[in-house]
Protein backbone atom coordinates (compact mmCIF):
# COMPACT_ATOMS: atom_id res chain seq x y z
CA MET A 1 -18.47 5.28 -22.49
CA GLY A 2 -21.42 3.89 -20.42
CA VAL A 3 -22.18 4.30 -16.76
CA LEU A 4 -18.95 2.38 -15.15
CA SER A 5 -20.19 2.22 -11.36
CA THR A 6 -21.74 4.62 -8.86
CA LEU A 7 -20.20 6.50 -6.07
CA GLN A 8 -21.29 6.18 -2.33
CA ILE A 9 -23.52 9.22 -2.84
CA GLY A 10 -25.38 7.42 -5.48
CA ARG A 11 -24.04 9.53 -8.57
CA PRO A 12 -23.21 7.09 -11.58
CA ILE A 13 -19.47 7.69 -12.79
CA LEU A 14 -19.87 8.84 -16.47
CA GLN A 15 -15.98 8.66 -17.22
CA LEU A 16 -13.22 7.29 -15.19
CA SER A 17 -9.54 8.16 -16.46
CA THR A 18 -6.16 7.65 -14.93
CA GLY A 19 -2.72 9.04 -15.74
CA TYR A 20 0.49 10.46 -14.30
CA PHE A 21 0.23 13.61 -12.50
CA LEU A 22 2.52 16.62 -12.50
CA PRO A 23 6.15 15.92 -12.49
CA SER A 24 6.38 18.09 -9.37
CA TYR A 25 5.13 15.48 -7.31
CA GLY A 26 7.31 12.81 -8.48
CA PRO A 27 7.33 9.75 -10.98
CA GLU A 28 5.45 7.61 -8.36
CA THR A 29 2.22 9.79 -8.36
CA ILE A 30 -0.79 8.95 -10.51
CA ILE A 31 -4.22 10.55 -10.67
CA ILE A 32 -7.63 8.86 -10.99
CA VAL A 33 -10.53 11.19 -12.50
CA ALA A 34 -14.07 10.40 -11.91
CA LEU A 35 -16.72 12.14 -13.89
CA THR A 36 -20.21 12.25 -12.65
CA SER A 37 -23.24 14.47 -14.32
CA SER A 38 -22.37 17.32 -11.65
CA THR A 39 -19.14 16.46 -9.87
CA LEU A 40 -15.21 15.81 -10.94
CA ILE A 41 -13.52 13.97 -8.29
CA TYR A 42 -9.77 13.47 -8.74
CA PHE A 43 -7.58 11.15 -6.56
CA LYS A 44 -3.91 11.68 -6.22
CA ILE A 45 -2.39 8.02 -5.49
CA ASN A 46 1.41 7.28 -4.71
CA GLN A 47 2.21 4.03 -6.12
CA ASN A 48 4.50 3.31 -3.15
CA SER A 49 1.91 3.59 -0.43
CA LEU A 50 0.78 0.29 0.93
CA LEU A 51 -2.84 -0.61 -0.41
CA GLY A 52 -2.94 2.58 -2.68
CA ASN A 53 -3.81 5.21 0.23
CA TYR A 54 -4.83 8.25 -1.56
CA LEU A 55 -2.75 11.46 -0.57
CA LYS A 56 -5.55 13.99 -1.82
CA ARG A 57 -9.16 13.81 -2.82
CA SER A 58 -10.97 16.74 -4.29
CA PHE A 59 -14.42 17.47 -5.53
CA PHE A 60 -15.88 20.16 -8.05
CA ASN A 61 -19.28 20.67 -8.48
CA PHE A 62 -20.92 22.03 -11.53
């Protein structure tokens, strides 16, 4: 997959994926994952929240 976009820190997003998160978070919660050349970032989003406010954002550097 080609470069889709860039993060605010200027790193290109190599891959963007979405899907439902673990059942313990409820069926309304989805996850969005963005992979750059050195970072994996994921957002847990509650589908019922106004304007898609994210619940948690995590960074993994490698």
